[in-house]
């Protein structure tokens, strides 16, 4: 039986092939499927999602190490601020404004 683990890729922060090998070292000997997740941009943060080429290179590095890799494209709600993580940020900002912070 495999356990699913998700990994959020951020351009130039944790998406290099070296990072993939570090992750493989951490997960070594575990039966996991690594699901790579795209970042949903939040205007208040400067993070950038990894390029498709970067995602593919990361996945290939994990596969070379024997891991099963899946992909989660969770950015379908991004244009309306409803992607993973975005709704929470919007709720936090709204609550902060109500408190006058």
PDB file of N, CA and C in Angstrom:
ATOM      1  N   UNK A   1       0.843  -1.181   0.000  1.00  0.00           N
ATOM      2  CA  UNK A   1       0.000   0.000   0.000  1.00  0.00           C
ATOM      3  C   UNK A   1       0.892   1.249   0.000  1.00  0.00           C
ATOM      4  N   UNK A   2       0.507   2.212  -0.831  1.00  0.00           N
ATOM      5  CA  UNK A   2       1.269   3.450  -0.939  1.00  0.00           C
ATOM      6  C   UNK A   2       0.563   4.569  -0.177  1.00  0.00           C
ATOM      7  N   UNK A   3       1.343   5.452   0.378  1.00  0.00           N
ATOM      8  CA  UNK A   3       0.837   6.652   1.037  1.00  0.00           C
ATOM      9  C   UNK A   3       1.061   7.816   0.096  1.00  0.00           C
ATOM     10  N   UNK A   4       0.052   8.685  -0.034  1.00  0.00           N
ATOM     11  CA  UNK A   4       0.211   9.853  -0.889  1.00  0.00           C
ATOM     12  C   UNK A   4       0.788  11.008  -0.084  1.00  0.00           C
ATOM     13  N   UNK A   5       1.769  11.661  -0.660  1.00  0.00           N
ATOM     14  CA  UNK A   5       2.313  12.871  -0.067  1.00  0.00           C
ATOM     15  C   UNK A   5       2.296  13.961  -1.137  1.00  0.00           C
ATOM     16  N   UNK A   6       1.926  15.154  -0.749  1.00  0.00           N
ATOM     17  CA  UNK A   6       1.870  16.273  -1.699  1.00  0.00           C
ATOM     18  C   UNK A   6       3.080  17.168  -1.488  1.00  0.00           C
ATOM     19  N   UNK A   7       3.545  17.722  -2.600  1.00  0.00           N
ATOM     20  CA  UNK A   7       4.705  18.601  -2.572  1.00  0.00           C
ATOM     21  C   UNK A   7       4.391  19.805  -3.440  1.00  0.00           C
ATOM     22  N   UNK A   8       4.355  20.980  -2.828  1.00  0.00           N
ATOM     23  CA  UNK A   8       4.057  22.226  -3.532  1.00  0.00           C
ATOM     24  C   UNK A   8       5.348  22.788  -4.113  1.00  0.00           C
ATOM     25  N   UNK A   9       5.363  22.956  -5.414  1.00  0.00           N
ATOM     26  CA  UNK A   9       6.556  23.449  -6.099  1.00  0.00           C
ATOM     27  C   UNK A   9       6.526  24.971  -6.228  1.00  0.00           C
ATOM     28  N   UNK A  10       7.616  25.610  -5.817  1.00  0.00           N
ATOM     29  CA  UNK A  10       7.775  27.060  -5.928  1.00  0.00           C
ATOM     30  C   UNK A  10       9.043  27.338  -6.726  1.00  0.00           C
ATOM     31  N   UNK A  11       8.900  28.119  -7.776  1.00  0.00           N
ATOM     32  CA  UNK A  11      10.029  28.390  -8.665  1.00  0.00           C
ATOM     33  C   UNK A  11      11.213  28.973  -7.906  1.00  0.00           C
ATOM     34  N   UNK A  12      12.386  28.391  -8.152  1.00  0.00           N
ATOM     35  CA  UNK A  12      13.664  28.832  -7.581  1.00  0.00           C
ATOM     36  C   UNK A  12      13.737  28.747  -6.057  1.00  0.00           C
ATOM     37  N   UNK A  13      12.764  28.076  -5.446  1.00  0.00           N
ATOM     38  CA  UNK A  13      12.797  27.901  -3.991  1.00  0.00           C
ATOM     39  C   UNK A  13      12.969  26.428  -3.637  1.00  0.00           C
ATOM     40  N   UNK A  14      12.178  25.557  -4.288  1.00  0.00           N
ATOM     41  CA  UNK A  14      12.250  24.134  -3.952  1.00  0.00           C
ATOM     42  C   UNK A  14      11.966  23.238  -5.158  1.00  0.00           C
ATOM     43  N   UNK A  15      12.280  23.716  -6.359  1.00  0.00           N
ATOM     44  CA  UNK A  15      11.879  22.962  -7.557  1.00  0.00           C
ATOM     45  C   UNK A  15      13.039  22.472  -8.428  1.00  0.00           C
ATOM     46  N   UNK A  16      14.250  22.498  -7.912  1.00  0.00           N
ATOM     47  CA  UNK A  16      15.386  22.035  -8.720  1.00  0.00           C
ATOM     48  C   UNK A  16      15.517  20.512  -8.631  1.00  0.00           C
ATOM     49  N   UNK A  17      16.322  19.968  -9.506  1.00  0.00           N
ATOM     50  CA  UNK A  17      16.582  18.527  -9.447  1.00  0.00           C
ATOM     51  C   UNK A  17      17.319  18.169  -8.150  1.00  0.00           C
ATOM     52  N   UNK A  18      18.146  19.077  -7.642  1.00  0.00           N
ATOM     53  CA  UNK A  18      18.794  18.840  -6.345  1.00  0.00           C
ATOM     54  C   UNK A  18      17.751  18.729  -5.241  1.00  0.00           C
ATOM     55  N   UNK A  19      16.723  19.592  -5.297  1.00  0.00           N
ATOM     56  CA  UNK A  19      15.647  19.512  -4.308  1.00  0.00           C
ATOM     57  C   UNK A  19      14.904  18.191  -4.426  1.00  0.00           C
ATOM     58  N   UNK A  20      14.690  17.738  -5.642  1.00  0.00           N
ATOM     59  CA  UNK A  20      14.021  16.450  -5.850  1.00  0.00           C
ATOM     60  C   UNK A  20      14.831  15.327  -5.213  1.00  0.00           C
ATOM     61  N   UNK A  21      16.142  15.378  -5.373  1.00  0.00           N
ATOM     62  CA  UNK A  21      16.990  14.351  -4.768  1.00  0.00           C
ATOM     63  C   UNK A  21      16.997  14.440  -3.253  1.00  0.00           C
ATOM     64  N   UNK A  22      16.950  15.652  -2.700  1.00  0.00           N
ATOM     65  CA  UNK A  22      16.846  15.811  -1.241  1.00  0.00           C
ATOM     66  C   UNK A  22      15.532  15.222  -0.739  1.00  0.00           C
ATOM     67  N   UNK A  23      14.450  15.486  -1.464  1.00  0.00           N
ATOM     68  CA  UNK A  23      13.153  14.922  -1.088  1.00  0.00           C
ATOM     69  C   UNK A  23      13.205  13.398  -1.157  1.00  0.00           C
ATOM     70  N   UNK A  24      13.801  12.871  -2.206  1.00  0.00           N
ATOM     71  CA  UNK A  24      13.934  11.418  -2.342  1.00  0.00           C
ATOM     72  C   UNK A  24      14.724  10.832  -1.173  1.00  0.00           C
ATOM     73  N   UNK A  25      15.767  11.531  -0.736  1.00  0.00           N
ATOM     74  CA  UNK A  25      16.542  11.061   0.412  1.00  0.00           C
ATOM     75  C   UNK A  25      15.673  11.014   1.673  1.00  0.00           C
ATOM     76  N   UNK A  26      14.831  12.039   1.859  1.00  0.00           N
ATOM     77  CA  UNK A  26      13.952  12.082   3.036  1.00  0.00           C
ATOM     78  C   UNK A  26      12.901  10.970   3.011  1.00  0.00           C
ATOM     79  N   UNK A  27      12.413  10.669   1.832  1.00  0.00           N
ATOM     80  CA  UNK A  27      11.337   9.685   1.702  1.00  0.00           C
ATOM     81  C   UNK A  27      11.850   8.274   1.440  1.00  0.00           C
ATOM     82  N   UNK A  28      13.162   8.124   1.374  1.00  0.00           N
ATOM     83  CA  UNK A  28      13.764   6.834   1.081  1.00  0.00           C
ATOM     84  C   UNK A  28      13.212   5.761   2.010  1.00  0.00           C
ATOM     85  N   UNK A  29      12.919   4.622   1.455  1.00  0.00           N
ATOM     86  CA  UNK A  29      12.416   3.448   2.173  1.00  0.00           C
ATOM     87  C   UNK A  29      10.944   3.534   2.527  1.00  0.00           C
ATOM     88  N   UNK A  30      10.284   4.616   2.162  1.00  0.00           N
ATOM     89  CA  UNK A  30       8.846   4.719   2.386  1.00  0.00           C
ATOM     90  C   UNK A  30       8.121   4.413   1.089  1.00  0.00           C
ATOM     91  N   UNK A  31       6.983   3.796   1.196  1.00  0.00           N
ATOM     92  CA  UNK A  31       6.168   3.518   0.007  1.00  0.00           C
ATOM     93  C   UNK A  31       5.221   4.697  -0.175  1.00  0.00           C
ATOM     94  N   UNK A  32       5.657   5.666  -0.955  1.00  0.00           N
ATOM     95  CA  UNK A  32       4.840   6.868  -1.163  1.00  0.00           C
ATOM     96  C   UNK A  32       4.676   7.153  -2.644  1.00  0.00           C
ATOM     97  N   UNK A  33       3.567   7.797  -2.941  1.00  0.00           N
ATOM     98  CA  UNK A  33       3.351   8.422  -4.240  1.00  0.00           C
ATOM     99  C   UNK A  33       3.490   9.908  -3.984  1.00  0.00           C
ATOM    100  N   UNK A  34       4.365  10.555  -4.699  1.00  0.00           N
ATOM    101  CA  UNK A  34       4.568  11.993  -4.525  1.00  0.00           C
ATOM    102  C   UNK A  34       3.690  12.710  -5.544  1.00  0.00           C
ATOM    103  N   UNK A  35       2.758  13.492  -5.034  1.00  0.00           N
ATOM    104  CA  UNK A  35       1.889  14.285  -5.902  1.00  0.00           C
ATOM    105  C   UNK A  35       2.425  15.708  -5.925  1.00  0.00           C
ATOM    106  N   UNK A  36       2.829  16.140  -7.107  1.00  0.00           N
ATOM    107  CA  UNK A  36       3.363  17.493  -7.271  1.00  0.00           C
ATOM    108  C   UNK A  36       2.215  18.455  -7.494  1.00  0.00           C
ATOM    109  N   UNK A  37       2.208  19.525  -6.737  1.00  0.00           N
ATOM    110  CA  UNK A  37       1.107  20.479  -6.764  1.00  0.00           C
ATOM    111  C   UNK A  37       1.585  21.836  -7.257  1.00  0.00           C
ATOM    112  N   UNK A  38       0.766  22.457  -8.094  1.00  0.00           N
ATOM    113  CA  UNK A  38       1.060  23.801  -8.599  1.00  0.00           C
ATOM    114  C   UNK A  38       0.636  24.844  -7.567  1.00  0.00           C
ATOM    115  N   UNK A  39       1.391  25.907  -7.517  1.00  0.00           N
ATOM    116  CA  UNK A  39       1.105  27.015  -6.605  1.00  0.00           C
ATOM    117  C   UNK A  39       0.041  27.927  -7.207  1.00  0.00           C
ATOM    118  N   UNK A  40      -0.921  28.311  -6.390  1.00  0.00           N
ATOM    119  CA  UNK A  40      -1.917  29.303  -6.780  1.00  0.00           C
ATOM    120  C   UNK A  40      -1.455  30.655  -6.268  1.00  0.00           C
ATOM    121  N   UNK A  41      -1.203  31.557  -7.180  1.00  0.00           N
ATOM    122  CA  UNK A  41      -0.647  32.861  -6.835  1.00  0.00           C
ATOM    123  C   UNK A  41      -1.570  33.633  -5.897  1.00  0.00           C
ATOM    124  N   UNK A  42      -0.947  34.234  -4.903  1.00  0.00           N
ATOM    125  CA  UNK A  42      -1.627  35.125  -3.956  1.00  0.00           C
ATOM    126  C   UNK A  42      -0.962  36.480  -4.119  1.00  0.00           C
ATOM    127  N   UNK A  43      -1.716  37.535  -4.444  1.00  0.00           N
ATOM    128  CA  UNK A  43      -1.107  38.840  -4.724  1.00  0.00           C
ATOM    129  C   UNK A  43      -0.214  39.367  -3.599  1.00  0.00           C
ATOM    130  N   UNK A  44      -0.505  38.975  -2.361  1.00  0.00           N
ATOM    131  CA  UNK A  44       0.278  39.477  -1.227  1.00  0.00           C
ATOM    132  C   UNK A  44       1.627  38.779  -1.070  1.00  0.00           C
ATOM    133  N   UNK A  45       1.888  37.772  -1.865  1.00  0.00           N
ATOM    134  CA  UNK A  45       3.148  37.023  -1.782  1.00  0.00           C
ATOM    135  C   UNK A  45       3.864  37.051  -3.125  1.00  0.00           C
ATOM    136  N   UNK A  46       5.177  36.966  -3.088  1.00  0.00           N
ATOM    137  CA  UNK A  46       5.979  37.041  -4.299  1.00  0.00           C
ATOM    138  C   UNK A  46       6.328  35.679  -4.892  1.00  0.00           C
ATOM    139  N   UNK A  47       5.753  34.611  -4.369  1.00  0.00           N
ATOM    140  CA  UNK A  47       6.067  33.286  -4.891  1.00  0.00           C
ATOM    141  C   UNK A  47       5.573  33.139  -6.318  1.00  0.00           C
ATOM    142  N   UNK A  48       6.257  32.283  -7.073  1.00  0.00           N
ATOM    143  CA  UNK A  48       5.904  32.007  -8.466  1.00  0.00           C
ATOM    144  C   UNK A  48       5.823  30.495  -8.627  1.00  0.00           C
ATOM    145  N   UNK A  49       4.808  30.043  -9.370  1.00  0.00           N
ATOM    146  CA  UNK A  49       4.729  28.598  -9.580  1.00  0.00           C
ATOM    147  C   UNK A  49       5.822  28.151 -10.544  1.00  0.00           C
ATOM    148  N   UNK A  50       6.223  26.923 -10.390  1.00  0.00           N
ATOM    149  CA  UNK A  50       7.278  26.364 -11.228  1.00  0.00           C
ATOM    150  C   UNK A  50       6.810  26.238 -12.670  1.00  0.00           C
ATOM    151  N   UNK A  51       7.752  26.353 -13.578  1.00  0.00           N
ATOM    152  CA  UNK A  51       7.442  26.209 -14.992  1.00  0.00           C
ATOM    153  C   UNK A  51       7.075  24.752 -15.291  1.00  0.00           C
ATOM    154  N   UNK A  52       6.319  24.522 -16.364  1.00  0.00           N
ATOM    155  CA  UNK A  52       6.012  23.132 -16.741  1.00  0.00           C
ATOM    156  C   UNK A  52       7.282  22.295 -16.953  1.00  0.00           C
ATOM    157  N   UNK A  53       8.323  22.912 -17.526  1.00  0.00           N
ATOM    158  CA  UNK A  53       9.577  22.196 -17.737  1.00  0.00           C
ATOM    159  C   UNK A  53      10.243  21.841 -16.403  1.00  0.00           C
ATOM    160  N   UNK A  54      10.175  22.782 -15.460  1.00  0.00           N
ATOM    161  CA  UNK A  54      10.745  22.532 -14.139  1.00  0.00           C
ATOM    162  C   UNK A  54      10.010  21.422 -13.403  1.00  0.00           C
ATOM    163  N   UNK A  55       8.692  21.432 -13.520  1.00  0.00           N
ATOM    164  CA  UNK A  55       7.883  20.386 -12.895  1.00  0.00           C
ATOM    165  C   UNK A  55       8.243  19.026 -13.488  1.00  0.00           C
ATOM    166  N   UNK A  56       8.361  18.976 -14.794  1.00  0.00           N
ATOM    167  CA  UNK A  56       8.688  17.716 -15.465  1.00  0.00           C
ATOM    168  C   UNK A  56      10.071  17.214 -15.059  1.00  0.00           C
ATOM    169  N   UNK A  57      11.050  18.114 -14.984  1.00  0.00           N
ATOM    170  CA  UNK A  57      12.397  17.728 -14.577  1.00  0.00           C
ATOM    171  C   UNK A  57      12.405  17.207 -13.141  1.00  0.00           C
ATOM    172  N   UNK A  58      11.640  17.862 -12.265  1.00  0.00           N
ATOM    173  CA  UNK A  58      11.532  17.443 -10.872  1.00  0.00           C
ATOM    174  C   UNK A  58      10.930  16.044 -10.799  1.00  0.00           C
ATOM    175  N   UNK A  59       9.835  15.845 -11.546  1.00  0.00           N
ATOM    176  CA  UNK A  59       9.171  14.539 -11.571  1.00  0.00           C
ATOM    177  C   UNK A  59      10.111  13.462 -12.100  1.00  0.00           C
ATOM    178  N   UNK A  60      10.827  13.766 -13.155  1.00  0.00           N
ATOM    179  CA  UNK A  60      11.748  12.788 -13.738  1.00  0.00           C
ATOM    180  C   UNK A  60      12.854  12.409 -12.760  1.00  0.00           C
ATOM    181  N   UNK A  61      13.345  13.393 -11.993  1.00  0.00           N
ATOM    182  CA  UNK A  61      14.385  13.107 -11.004  1.00  0.00           C
ATOM    183  C   UNK A  61      13.855  12.150  -9.932  1.00  0.00           C
ATOM    184  N   UNK A  62      12.612  12.369  -9.497  1.00  0.00           N
ATOM    185  CA  UNK A  62      12.020  11.460  -8.509  1.00  0.00           C
ATOM    186  C   UNK A  62      11.811  10.066  -9.096  1.00  0.00           C
ATOM    187  N   UNK A  63      11.345  10.019 -10.324  1.00  0.00           N
ATOM    188  CA  UNK A  63      11.125   8.715 -10.970  1.00  0.00           C
ATOM    189  C   UNK A  63      12.437   7.940 -11.121  1.00  0.00           C
ATOM    190  N   UNK A  64      13.508   8.645 -11.433  1.00  0.00           N
ATOM    191  CA  UNK A  64      14.812   7.974 -11.540  1.00  0.00           C
ATOM    192  C   UNK A  64      15.223   7.346 -10.218  1.00  0.00           C
ATOM    193  N   UNK A  65      14.719   7.916  -9.132  1.00  0.00           N
ATOM    194  CA  UNK A  65      15.015   7.387  -7.793  1.00  0.00           C
ATOM    195  C   UNK A  65      14.008   6.319  -7.367  1.00  0.00           C
ATOM    196  N   UNK A  66      13.077   5.978  -8.267  1.00  0.00           N
ATOM    197  CA  UNK A  66      12.143   4.885  -7.995  1.00  0.00           C
ATOM    198  C   UNK A  66      10.798   5.284  -7.419  1.00  0.00           C
ATOM    199  N   UNK A  67      10.491   6.572  -7.407  1.00  0.00           N
ATOM    200  CA  UNK A  67       9.219   7.020  -6.839  1.00  0.00           C
ATOM    201  C   UNK A  67       8.128   7.110  -7.897  1.00  0.00           C
ATOM    202  N   UNK A  68       6.912   6.835  -7.463  1.00  0.00           N
ATOM    203  CA  UNK A  68       5.744   7.083  -8.300  1.00  0.00           C
ATOM    204  C   UNK A  68       5.387   8.551  -8.125  1.00  0.00           C
ATOM    205  N   UNK A  69       5.057   9.217  -9.232  1.00  0.00           N
ATOM    206  CA  UNK A  69       4.788  10.655  -9.195  1.00  0.00           C
ATOM    207  C   UNK A  69       3.449  10.936  -9.858  1.00  0.00           C
ATOM    208  N   UNK A  70       2.650  11.752  -9.191  1.00  0.00           N
ATOM    209  CA  UNK A  70       1.385  12.214  -9.748  1.00  0.00           C
ATOM    210  C   UNK A  70       1.402  13.730  -9.810  1.00  0.00           C
ATOM    211  N   UNK A  71       0.388  14.267 -10.434  1.00  0.00           N
ATOM    212  CA  UNK A  71       0.291  15.726 -10.582  1.00  0.00           C
ATOM    213  C   UNK A  71      -1.078  16.181 -10.124  1.00  0.00           C
ATOM    214  N   UNK A  72      -1.125  17.309  -9.429  1.00  0.00           N
ATOM    215  CA  UNK A  72      -2.383  17.902  -9.007  1.00  0.00           C
ATOM    216  C   UNK A  72      -2.404  19.328  -9.524  1.00  0.00           C
ATOM    217  N   UNK A  73      -3.279  19.578 -10.479  1.00  0.00           N
ATOM    218  CA  UNK A  73      -3.427  20.921 -11.018  1.00  0.00           C
ATOM    219  C   UNK A  73      -4.595  21.560 -10.293  1.00  0.00           C
ATOM    220  N   UNK A  74      -4.291  22.202  -9.175  1.00  0.00           N
ATOM    221  CA  UNK A  74      -5.346  22.751  -8.327  1.00  0.00           C
ATOM    222  C   UNK A  74      -5.594  24.233  -8.583  1.00  0.00           C
ATOM    223  N   UNK A  75      -5.164  24.725  -9.745  1.00  0.00           N
ATOM    224  CA  UNK A  75      -5.290  26.167  -9.982  1.00  0.00           C
ATOM    225  C   UNK A  75      -6.528  26.531 -10.798  1.00  0.00           C
ATOM    226  N   UNK A  76      -7.505  25.630 -10.883  1.00  0.00           N
ATOM    227  CA  UNK A  76      -8.689  25.962 -11.667  1.00  0.00           C
ATOM    228  C   UNK A  76      -9.469  27.126 -11.062  1.00  0.00           C
ATOM    229  N   UNK A  77      -9.367  27.346  -9.767  1.00  0.00           N
ATOM    230  CA  UNK A  77     -10.068  28.458  -9.133  1.00  0.00           C
ATOM    231  C   UNK A  77      -9.234  29.713  -9.010  1.00  0.00           C
ATOM    232  N   UNK A  78      -7.997  29.670  -9.466  1.00  0.00           N
ATOM    233  CA  UNK A  78      -7.086  30.800  -9.295  1.00  0.00           C
ATOM    234  C   UNK A  78      -7.609  32.105  -9.891  1.00  0.00           C
ATOM    235  N   UNK A  79      -8.187  32.105 -11.101  1.00  0.00           N
ATOM    236  CA  UNK A  79      -8.633  33.381 -11.682  1.00  0.00           C
ATOM    237  C   UNK A  79      -9.654  34.142 -10.830  1.00  0.00           C
ATOM    238  N   UNK A  80     -10.412  33.428  -9.999  1.00  0.00           N
ATOM    239  CA  UNK A  80     -11.412  34.100  -9.174  1.00  0.00           C
ATOM    240  C   UNK A  80     -11.016  34.108  -7.699  1.00  0.00           C
ATOM    241  N   UNK A  81      -9.749  33.798  -7.416  1.00  0.00           N
ATOM    242  CA  UNK A  81      -9.278  33.806  -6.031  1.00  0.00           C
ATOM    243  C   UNK A  81      -9.821  32.658  -5.219  1.00  0.00           C
ATOM    244  N   UNK A  82     -10.171  31.555  -5.878  1.00  0.00           N
ATOM    245  CA  UNK A  82     -10.746  30.411  -5.180  1.00  0.00           C
ATOM    246  C   UNK A  82      -9.886  29.170  -5.242  1.00  0.00           C
ATOM    247  N   UNK A  83      -8.604  29.310  -5.604  1.00  0.00           N
ATOM    248  CA  UNK A  83      -7.718  28.154  -5.639  1.00  0.00           C
ATOM    249  C   UNK A  83      -7.257  27.791  -4.242  1.00  0.00           C
ATOM    250  N   UNK A  84      -6.637  26.624  -4.108  1.00  0.00           N
ATOM    251  CA  UNK A  84      -6.150  26.173  -2.802  1.00  0.00           C
ATOM    252  C   UNK A  84      -5.275  27.250  -2.161  1.00  0.00           C
ATOM    253  N   UNK A  85      -5.581  27.602  -0.928  1.00  0.00           N
ATOM    254  CA  UNK A  85      -4.814  28.603  -0.206  1.00  0.00           C
ATOM    255  C   UNK A  85      -5.318  30.016  -0.399  1.00  0.00           C
ATOM    256  N   UNK A  86      -5.927  30.299  -1.534  1.00  0.00           N
ATOM    257  CA  UNK A  86      -6.363  31.671  -1.813  1.00  0.00           C
ATOM    258  C   UNK A  86      -7.584  32.057  -0.984  1.00  0.00           C
ATOM    259  N   UNK A  87      -8.512  31.139  -0.830  1.00  0.00           N
ATOM    260  CA  UNK A  87      -9.722  31.465  -0.094  1.00  0.00           C
ATOM    261  C   UNK A  87      -9.383  31.769   1.360  1.00  0.00           C
ATOM    262  N   UNK A  88      -8.446  31.028   1.918  1.00  0.00           N
ATOM    263  CA  UNK A  88      -8.027  31.264   3.292  1.00  0.00           C
ATOM    264  C   UNK A  88      -7.418  32.655   3.423  1.00  0.00           C
ATOM    265  N   UNK A  89      -6.566  33.030   2.469  1.00  0.00           N
ATOM    266  CA  UNK A  89      -5.929  34.337   2.505  1.00  0.00           C
ATOM    267  C   UNK A  89      -6.986  35.435   2.403  1.00  0.00           C
ATOM    268  N   UNK A  90      -7.954  35.261   1.508  1.00  0.00           N
ATOM    269  CA  UNK A  90      -9.009  36.258   1.367  1.00  0.00           C
ATOM    270  C   UNK A  90      -9.812  36.386   2.650  1.00  0.00           C
ATOM    271  N   UNK A  91     -10.112  35.274   3.305  1.00  0.00           N
ATOM    272  CA  UNK A  91     -10.864  35.307   4.553  1.00  0.00           C
ATOM    273  C   UNK A  91     -10.061  35.998   5.646  1.00  0.00           C
ATOM    274  N   UNK A  92      -8.753  35.729   5.701  1.00  0.00           N
ATOM    275  CA  UNK A  92      -7.904  36.369   6.709  1.00  0.00           C
ATOM    276  C   UNK A  92      -7.832  37.873   6.487  1.00  0.00           C
ATOM    277  N   UNK A  93      -7.708  38.296   5.249  1.00  0.00           N
ATOM    278  CA  UNK A  93      -7.645  39.728   4.954  1.00  0.00           C
ATOM    279  C   UNK A  93      -8.958  40.415   5.302  1.00  0.00           C
ATOM    280  N   UNK A  94     -10.075  39.768   4.991  1.00  0.00           N
ATOM    281  CA  UNK A  94     -11.385  40.344   5.306  1.00  0.00           C
ATOM    282  C   UNK A  94     -11.564  40.469   6.822  1.00  0.00           C
ATOM    283  N   UNK A  95     -11.157  39.441   7.560  1.00  0.00           N
ATOM    284  CA  UNK A  95     -11.262  39.489   9.023  1.00  0.00           C
ATOM    285  C   UNK A  95     -10.387  40.584   9.592  1.00  0.00           C
ATOM    286  N   UNK A  96      -9.197  40.760   9.028  1.00  0.00           N
ATOM    287  CA  UNK A  96      -8.293  41.789   9.484  1.00  0.00           C
ATOM    288  C   UNK A  96      -8.885  43.186   9.266  1.00  0.00           C
ATOM    289  N   UNK A  97      -9.528  43.377   8.121  1.00  0.00           N
ATOM    290  CA  UNK A  97     -10.153  44.675   7.831  1.00  0.00           C
ATOM    291  C   UNK A  97     -11.316  44.946   8.790  1.00  0.00           C
ATOM    292  N   UNK A  98     -12.078  43.895   9.118  1.00  0.00           N
ATOM    293  CA  UNK A  98     -13.203  44.075  10.050  1.00  0.00           C
ATOM    294  C   UNK A  98     -12.710  44.478  11.437  1.00  0.00           C
ATOM    295  N   UNK A  99     -11.548  43.948  11.824  1.00  0.00           N
ATOM    296  CA  UNK A  99     -10.972  44.288  13.127  1.00  0.00           C
ATOM    297  C   UNK A  99     -10.286  45.637  13.115  1.00  0.00           C
ATOM    298  N   UNK A 100     -10.071  46.192  11.911  1.00  0.00           N
ATOM    299  CA  UNK A 100      -9.393  47.467  11.799  1.00  0.00           C
ATOM    300  C   UNK A 100      -7.886  47.372  11.887  1.00  0.00           C
ATOM    301  N   UNK A 101      -7.360  46.188  11.645  1.00  0.00           N
ATOM    302  CA  UNK A 101      -5.903  45.974  11.723  1.00  0.00           C
ATOM    303  C   UNK A 101      -5.235  46.387  10.463  1.00  0.00           C
TER     304      UNK A 101
END
